[in-house]
Each structure stands twice: as structure tokens, then as C-alpha cells.
N, C-alpha and C. Protein backbone atom coordinates (compact mmCIF):
# COMPACT_ATOMS: atom_id res chain seq x y z
N MET A 1 -2.78 -26.59 -11.20
CA MET A 1 -3.13 -27.61 -10.23
C MET A 1 -4.63 -27.89 -10.34
N SER A 2 -5.00 -29.15 -10.33
CA SER A 2 -6.42 -29.50 -10.41
C SER A 2 -7.09 -29.30 -9.05
N SER A 3 -8.41 -29.18 -9.07
CA SER A 3 -9.13 -28.92 -7.82
C SER A 3 -9.03 -30.09 -6.84
N GLY A 4 -8.77 -31.27 -7.33
CA GLY A 4 -8.65 -32.43 -6.45
C GLY A 4 -7.50 -32.31 -5.47
N HIS A 5 -6.42 -31.62 -5.88
CA HIS A 5 -5.27 -31.45 -4.99
C HIS A 5 -5.64 -30.57 -3.79
N GLY A 6 -6.41 -29.51 -4.05
CA GLY A 6 -6.84 -28.63 -2.96
C GLY A 6 -7.73 -29.35 -1.97
N THR A 7 -8.63 -30.18 -2.49
CA THR A 7 -9.52 -30.94 -1.63
C THR A 7 -8.73 -31.94 -0.80
N LYS A 8 -7.75 -32.58 -1.43
CA LYS A 8 -6.92 -33.54 -0.69
C LYS A 8 -6.13 -32.83 0.40
N ASN A 9 -5.60 -31.66 0.09
CA ASN A 9 -4.86 -30.90 1.11
C ASN A 9 -5.76 -30.52 2.27
N LEU A 10 -6.99 -30.12 1.96
CA LEU A 10 -7.94 -29.77 3.01
C LEU A 10 -8.25 -30.98 3.88
N GLN A 11 -8.50 -32.13 3.24
CA GLN A 11 -8.81 -33.34 3.99
C GLN A 11 -7.61 -33.79 4.82
N ASP A 12 -6.39 -33.66 4.27
CA ASP A 12 -5.19 -34.00 5.03
C ASP A 12 -5.08 -33.11 6.28
N GLY A 13 -5.42 -31.83 6.13
CA GLY A 13 -5.38 -30.91 7.27
C GLY A 13 -6.41 -31.29 8.32
N VAL A 14 -7.60 -31.66 7.89
CA VAL A 14 -8.65 -32.09 8.81
C VAL A 14 -8.20 -33.34 9.55
N ASN A 15 -7.64 -34.30 8.82
CA ASN A 15 -7.19 -35.54 9.45
C ASN A 15 -6.07 -35.27 10.46
N ALA A 16 -5.14 -34.37 10.13
CA ALA A 16 -4.05 -34.04 11.04
C ALA A 16 -4.59 -33.38 12.31
N CYS A 17 -5.55 -32.48 12.14
CA CYS A 17 -6.16 -31.81 13.29
C CYS A 17 -6.90 -32.82 14.17
N ASN A 18 -7.68 -33.70 13.54
CA ASN A 18 -8.39 -34.72 14.31
C ASN A 18 -7.43 -35.61 15.08
N GLU A 19 -6.33 -35.97 14.44
CA GLU A 19 -5.33 -36.81 15.11
C GLU A 19 -4.73 -36.07 16.31
N HIS A 20 -4.42 -34.79 16.10
CA HIS A 20 -3.85 -33.98 17.18
C HIS A 20 -4.82 -33.87 18.37
N LEU A 21 -6.13 -33.77 18.08
CA LEU A 21 -7.14 -33.63 19.13
C LEU A 21 -7.59 -34.96 19.70
N GLY A 22 -7.15 -36.05 19.09
CA GLY A 22 -7.53 -37.38 19.58
C GLY A 22 -8.90 -37.83 19.13
N VAL A 23 -9.40 -37.24 18.04
CA VAL A 23 -10.70 -37.63 17.51
C VAL A 23 -10.55 -38.95 16.78
N VAL A 24 -11.45 -39.88 17.07
CA VAL A 24 -11.41 -41.19 16.45
C VAL A 24 -12.08 -41.09 15.09
N SER A 25 -11.39 -41.56 14.06
CA SER A 25 -11.96 -41.55 12.71
C SER A 25 -13.07 -42.58 12.65
N GLY A 26 -14.07 -42.25 11.86
CA GLY A 26 -15.19 -43.18 11.70
C GLY A 26 -16.01 -42.78 10.51
N ASP A 27 -17.23 -43.20 10.50
CA ASP A 27 -18.15 -42.88 9.42
C ASP A 27 -18.38 -41.38 9.41
N ALA A 28 -18.17 -40.75 8.25
CA ALA A 28 -18.28 -39.30 8.13
C ALA A 28 -19.71 -38.82 8.33
N THR A 29 -20.70 -39.71 8.25
CA THR A 29 -22.09 -39.29 8.41
C THR A 29 -22.49 -39.21 9.87
N GLN A 30 -21.67 -39.72 10.77
CA GLN A 30 -21.98 -39.67 12.19
C GLN A 30 -21.34 -38.44 12.81
N HIS A 31 -22.15 -37.63 13.46
CA HIS A 31 -21.65 -36.43 14.10
C HIS A 31 -22.06 -36.45 15.56
N SER A 32 -21.13 -36.12 16.41
CA SER A 32 -21.43 -36.00 17.82
C SER A 32 -22.06 -34.65 18.08
N THR A 33 -23.09 -34.62 18.90
CA THR A 33 -23.76 -33.36 19.21
C THR A 33 -23.39 -32.86 20.59
N GLY A 34 -22.43 -33.47 21.22
CA GLY A 34 -22.02 -33.02 22.54
C GLY A 34 -22.00 -34.16 23.53
N ALA A 35 -22.13 -33.80 24.79
CA ALA A 35 -22.09 -34.78 25.87
C ALA A 35 -23.31 -35.70 25.79
N PRO A 36 -23.17 -36.93 26.25
CA PRO A 36 -24.31 -37.84 26.28
C PRO A 36 -25.40 -37.30 27.21
N TYR A 37 -26.64 -37.63 26.92
CA TYR A 37 -27.77 -37.16 27.72
C TYR A 37 -27.78 -37.84 29.08
N SER A 38 -28.07 -37.05 30.10
CA SER A 38 -28.36 -37.61 31.41
C SER A 38 -29.45 -36.75 32.03
N PRO A 39 -30.39 -37.37 32.72
CA PRO A 39 -31.47 -36.61 33.35
C PRO A 39 -30.95 -35.56 34.34
N ALA A 40 -29.90 -35.88 35.07
CA ALA A 40 -29.35 -34.91 36.03
C ALA A 40 -28.78 -33.69 35.33
N ASP A 41 -28.04 -33.91 34.24
CA ASP A 41 -27.50 -32.78 33.48
C ASP A 41 -28.61 -31.94 32.87
N HIS A 42 -29.66 -32.61 32.39
CA HIS A 42 -30.79 -31.90 31.81
C HIS A 42 -31.46 -31.01 32.86
N CYS A 43 -31.68 -31.54 34.03
CA CYS A 43 -32.28 -30.77 35.12
C CYS A 43 -31.40 -29.57 35.48
N THR A 44 -30.10 -29.79 35.51
CA THR A 44 -29.16 -28.70 35.81
C THR A 44 -29.25 -27.60 34.76
N MET A 45 -29.31 -28.00 33.49
CA MET A 45 -29.42 -27.02 32.41
C MET A 45 -30.72 -26.22 32.51
N ILE A 46 -31.82 -26.88 32.86
CA ILE A 46 -33.10 -26.19 33.02
C ILE A 46 -33.01 -25.20 34.18
N ALA A 47 -32.43 -25.62 35.30
CA ALA A 47 -32.29 -24.73 36.45
C ALA A 47 -31.43 -23.52 36.11
N MET A 48 -30.35 -23.74 35.38
CA MET A 48 -29.48 -22.63 34.98
C MET A 48 -30.22 -21.68 34.03
N HIS A 49 -31.01 -22.23 33.12
CA HIS A 49 -31.79 -21.41 32.20
C HIS A 49 -32.77 -20.52 32.98
N CYS A 50 -33.46 -21.12 33.94
CA CYS A 50 -34.42 -20.36 34.74
C CYS A 50 -33.73 -19.25 35.54
N ALA A 51 -32.61 -19.57 36.16
CA ALA A 51 -31.89 -18.58 36.95
C ALA A 51 -31.36 -17.45 36.08
N LYS A 52 -30.81 -17.80 34.94
CA LYS A 52 -30.24 -16.80 34.04
C LYS A 52 -31.30 -15.86 33.48
N ASN A 53 -32.48 -16.39 33.19
CA ASN A 53 -33.54 -15.60 32.58
C ASN A 53 -34.59 -15.12 33.57
N HIS A 54 -34.31 -15.28 34.85
CA HIS A 54 -35.20 -14.80 35.92
C HIS A 54 -36.64 -15.30 35.77
N CYS A 55 -36.78 -16.58 35.44
CA CYS A 55 -38.13 -17.14 35.32
C CYS A 55 -38.28 -18.24 36.38
N PRO A 56 -39.51 -18.44 36.84
CA PRO A 56 -39.72 -19.47 37.87
C PRO A 56 -39.50 -20.87 37.30
N PHE A 57 -38.99 -21.74 38.13
CA PHE A 57 -38.73 -23.12 37.69
C PHE A 57 -40.01 -23.79 37.21
N ASN A 58 -41.15 -23.43 37.81
CA ASN A 58 -42.42 -24.03 37.40
C ASN A 58 -42.76 -23.76 35.94
N SER A 59 -42.19 -22.73 35.34
CA SER A 59 -42.48 -22.43 33.94
C SER A 59 -42.02 -23.55 33.01
N VAL A 60 -41.01 -24.29 33.41
CA VAL A 60 -40.53 -25.39 32.57
C VAL A 60 -41.26 -26.69 32.86
N LEU A 61 -42.15 -26.67 33.84
CA LEU A 61 -42.97 -27.84 34.12
C LEU A 61 -44.26 -27.82 33.32
N ASP A 62 -44.48 -26.75 32.55
CA ASP A 62 -45.65 -26.60 31.71
C ASP A 62 -45.73 -27.76 30.71
N GLU A 63 -46.94 -28.26 30.47
CA GLU A 63 -47.12 -29.42 29.58
C GLU A 63 -46.64 -29.12 28.17
N ASP A 64 -46.88 -27.91 27.68
CA ASP A 64 -46.45 -27.56 26.32
C ASP A 64 -44.93 -27.54 26.22
N TYR A 65 -44.27 -27.00 27.24
CA TYR A 65 -42.81 -26.97 27.24
C TYR A 65 -42.26 -28.40 27.30
N GLN A 66 -42.87 -29.24 28.11
CA GLN A 66 -42.43 -30.63 28.21
C GLN A 66 -42.60 -31.35 26.87
N ALA A 67 -43.69 -31.08 26.15
CA ALA A 67 -43.90 -31.70 24.84
C ALA A 67 -42.81 -31.24 23.86
N GLU A 68 -42.44 -29.96 23.94
CA GLU A 68 -41.36 -29.44 23.09
C GLU A 68 -40.04 -30.16 23.38
N VAL A 69 -39.73 -30.35 24.65
CA VAL A 69 -38.49 -31.04 25.02
C VAL A 69 -38.51 -32.48 24.53
N GLU A 70 -39.67 -33.13 24.63
CA GLU A 70 -39.79 -34.51 24.15
C GLU A 70 -39.52 -34.61 22.65
N MET A 71 -39.95 -33.58 21.89
CA MET A 71 -39.72 -33.59 20.44
C MET A 71 -38.23 -33.52 20.15
N LEU A 72 -37.49 -32.79 20.95
CA LEU A 72 -36.05 -32.64 20.71
C LEU A 72 -35.34 -33.94 21.01
């Protein structure tokens, strides 16, 4: 069997899985990184991070930390 058959079988499996999960086919270069950004969700994530790591909320208000978040 040529290697092309194995690749086709793999791609067929991926397509079947995507169909089962309801993933919409599209350009293969586009990847979703998760939920869309919202300021409220971001604030919630920061608050959870602070609570989990026992750090004051003011630590994330630091200008250097804010610059890091802006880069992301």
C-alpha cells in the first residue's frame, strides 16, 4: 500500500470526527483558539488567577503586566 492511502484514511477519520462534533469545514489554515474575547470574561479570568495563586488583584494592574497582556 502506498503512503497516500494511509494519509487519506487519516484525513477521512478527521473529517468523520469533525462531522460528528459539528465542526464546520473551512480553510485549514484557520484555527480557533477558544471562546471569543470579552472584557468581562477576561476580568473573570484575572480574578480567578489571583484567587487561585493567592496574589492581590492589584498585582495585575501593574503597568508591565498590562503591557504583557496587550502583546498577547
